[in-house]
């Protein structure tokens, strides 16, 4: 039991901390407003030295964006419909994970690098994959 409490404490202390909007540097807020004018329900967190904002756009897709302290966008993760996955990614899933269904898909942009986080489910298992746009498996975790 002590081990469980210690692990929970570590996770809580190392995760991003929610911050009020007024604590976000003006240059970061300006970049966000310029990049996503129609954003709604924005929630800010300090994630290490990066400012992370979670929000929705008009299409109700969830987005997460990380900015550095100079207001430069470092990473953008957006929820997408499975049908918007590149064909090579869909081909990999059909070939290697045909008995799973796509439960959730996210497009991740970090600089010029593009990847996809995909949650797959079967009757008995859940998998989390990270795949590049060419259909190469970057990581796989069983949930």
Protein backbone atom coordinates (compact mmCIF):
# COMPACT_ATOMS: atom_id res chain seq x y z
CA UNK A 1 0.00 0.00 0.00
CA UNK A 2 2.85 2.39 0.77
CA UNK A 3 4.30 1.71 -2.66
CA UNK A 4 0.98 2.64 -4.28
CA UNK A 5 0.76 5.87 -2.30
CA UNK A 6 4.35 6.73 -3.20
CA UNK A 7 3.69 6.11 -6.92
CA UNK A 8 0.56 8.25 -6.87
CA UNK A 9 2.49 11.04 -5.16
CA UNK A 10 5.25 10.89 -7.78
CA UNK A 11 2.76 10.98 -10.66
CA UNK A 12 0.84 13.87 -9.14
CA UNK A 13 3.95 15.90 -8.48
CA UNK A 14 5.53 15.35 -11.89
CA UNK A 15 2.48 16.01 -14.05
CA UNK A 16 1.63 19.36 -15.57
CA UNK A 17 0.18 21.92 -13.21
CA UNK A 18 -2.94 23.83 -14.14
CA UNK A 19 -2.41 27.58 -14.20
CA UNK A 20 -4.84 30.50 -14.54
CA UNK A 21 -4.95 32.32 -17.87
CA UNK A 22 -3.44 35.49 -16.37
CA UNK A 23 -0.23 33.57 -15.53
CA UNK A 24 0.39 32.72 -19.18
CA UNK A 25 3.01 35.11 -20.63
CA UNK A 26 1.47 37.66 -23.05
CA UNK A 27 3.69 36.50 -25.93
CA UNK A 28 2.46 32.91 -25.48
CA UNK A 29 -1.17 34.04 -25.24
CA UNK A 30 -0.76 36.21 -28.33
CA UNK A 31 0.70 33.31 -30.34
CA UNK A 32 -2.14 31.02 -29.23
CA UNK A 33 -4.83 33.56 -30.14
CA UNK A 34 -3.19 34.14 -33.53
CA UNK A 35 -2.86 30.40 -34.23
CA UNK A 36 -6.34 29.41 -33.02
CA UNK A 37 -8.72 32.39 -33.21
CA UNK A 38 -11.83 30.25 -32.81
CA UNK A 39 -10.58 28.20 -29.84
CA UNK A 40 -12.98 27.65 -26.97
CA UNK A 41 -12.81 26.15 -23.49
CA UNK A 42 -9.05 26.73 -23.23
CA UNK A 43 -7.33 25.29 -20.15
CA UNK A 44 -3.69 26.14 -19.49
CA UNK A 45 -1.04 24.04 -17.77
CA UNK A 46 2.64 24.48 -17.09
CA UNK A 47 4.33 21.31 -18.36
CA UNK A 48 7.96 21.59 -17.29
CA UNK A 49 9.08 24.77 -19.04
CA UNK A 50 6.38 24.59 -21.70
CA UNK A 51 2.92 26.13 -21.67
CA UNK A 52 0.31 23.55 -22.66
CA UNK A 53 -3.19 24.55 -23.66
CA UNK A 54 -6.08 22.15 -24.15
CA UNK A 55 -9.05 23.44 -26.15
CA UNK A 56 -11.71 22.69 -28.74
CA UNK A 57 -12.38 24.16 -32.15
CA UNK A 58 -15.73 24.58 -33.91
CA UNK A 59 -15.67 20.97 -35.17
CA UNK A 60 -15.55 19.82 -31.49
CA UNK A 61 -12.17 18.18 -32.02
CA UNK A 62 -9.92 18.24 -28.96
CA UNK A 63 -6.53 19.91 -29.35
CA UNK A 64 -3.45 20.16 -27.18
CA UNK A 65 -0.69 22.60 -28.05
CA UNK A 66 2.64 23.24 -26.32
CA UNK A 67 4.41 26.63 -26.54
CA UNK A 68 7.83 27.59 -25.29
CA UNK A 69 8.28 30.79 -23.26
CA UNK A 70 9.03 32.78 -26.45
CA UNK A 71 5.60 31.87 -27.87
CA UNK A 72 6.90 29.34 -30.41
CA UNK A 73 4.59 26.38 -31.00
CA UNK A 74 6.56 23.24 -30.13
CA UNK A 75 3.95 20.51 -30.47
CA UNK A 76 0.34 20.21 -31.64
CA UNK A 77 -1.84 17.17 -31.00
CA UNK A 78 -5.33 17.04 -32.45
CA UNK A 79 -8.04 14.44 -32.31
CA UNK A 80 -8.98 13.24 -35.80
CA UNK A 81 -11.47 10.84 -37.30
CA UNK A 82 -9.90 7.47 -38.17
CA UNK A 83 -10.88 8.07 -41.80
CA UNK A 84 -8.39 10.99 -41.86
CA UNK A 85 -5.44 8.69 -41.11
CA UNK A 86 -3.01 8.31 -44.04
CA UNK A 87 -3.64 5.24 -46.19
CA UNK A 88 -0.27 3.72 -45.23
CA UNK A 89 -1.23 3.95 -41.54
CA UNK A 90 -4.60 2.31 -42.23
CA UNK A 91 -2.85 -0.40 -44.25
CA UNK A 92 -0.54 -1.20 -41.32
CA UNK A 93 -3.49 -1.44 -38.93
CA UNK A 94 -5.46 -3.71 -41.27
CA UNK A 95 -2.46 -5.95 -41.92
CA UNK A 96 -1.05 -6.26 -38.38
CA UNK A 97 -4.09 -5.51 -36.17
CA UNK A 98 -7.06 -6.66 -38.24
CA UNK A 99 -8.96 -7.98 -35.21
CA UNK A 100 -8.86 -4.53 -33.53
CA UNK A 101 -11.00 -1.48 -34.17
CA UNK A 102 -9.71 2.08 -34.05
CA UNK A 103 -11.09 3.68 -30.90
CA UNK A 104 -9.26 7.00 -31.09
CA UNK A 105 -6.79 8.72 -33.41
CA UNK A 106 -4.64 11.80 -32.92
CA UNK A 107 -2.40 13.66 -35.32
CA UNK A 108 0.82 14.92 -33.70
CA UNK A 109 2.96 17.63 -35.24
CA UNK A 110 6.35 18.45 -33.73
CA UNK A 111 8.24 20.83 -35.98
CA UNK A 112 8.43 19.08 -39.35
CA UNK A 113 7.81 15.64 -37.82
CA UNK A 114 4.33 14.18 -38.21
CA UNK A 115 3.07 11.10 -36.38
CA UNK A 116 -0.19 9.53 -35.25
CA UNK A 117 -1.24 8.18 -31.85
CA UNK A 118 -3.84 5.48 -32.29
CA UNK A 119 -5.81 3.56 -29.67
CA UNK A 120 -7.01 0.16 -30.81
CA UNK A 121 -9.48 -2.10 -29.03
CA UNK A 122 -10.48 -5.72 -29.39
CA UNK A 123 -12.79 -7.73 -27.17
CA UNK A 124 -10.00 -8.53 -24.73
CA UNK A 125 -7.17 -6.05 -25.33
CA UNK A 126 -6.32 -2.42 -25.87
CA UNK A 127 -3.26 -1.22 -27.72
CA UNK A 128 -1.70 2.20 -28.10
CA UNK A 129 0.37 2.72 -31.23
CA UNK A 130 2.47 5.57 -32.49
CA UNK A 131 2.97 5.47 -36.25
CA UNK A 132 4.67 7.85 -38.67
CA UNK A 133 2.89 9.05 -41.81
CA UNK A 134 4.70 6.41 -43.91
CA UNK A 135 3.08 3.63 -41.87
CA UNK A 136 6.14 2.74 -39.80
CA UNK A 137 5.42 1.60 -36.24
CA UNK A 138 7.28 3.86 -33.80
CA UNK A 139 5.93 2.45 -30.53
CA UNK A 140 3.39 -0.02 -29.20
CA UNK A 141 1.98 -0.36 -25.67
CA UNK A 142 -0.54 -2.82 -24.32
CA UNK A 143 -3.09 -1.19 -22.07
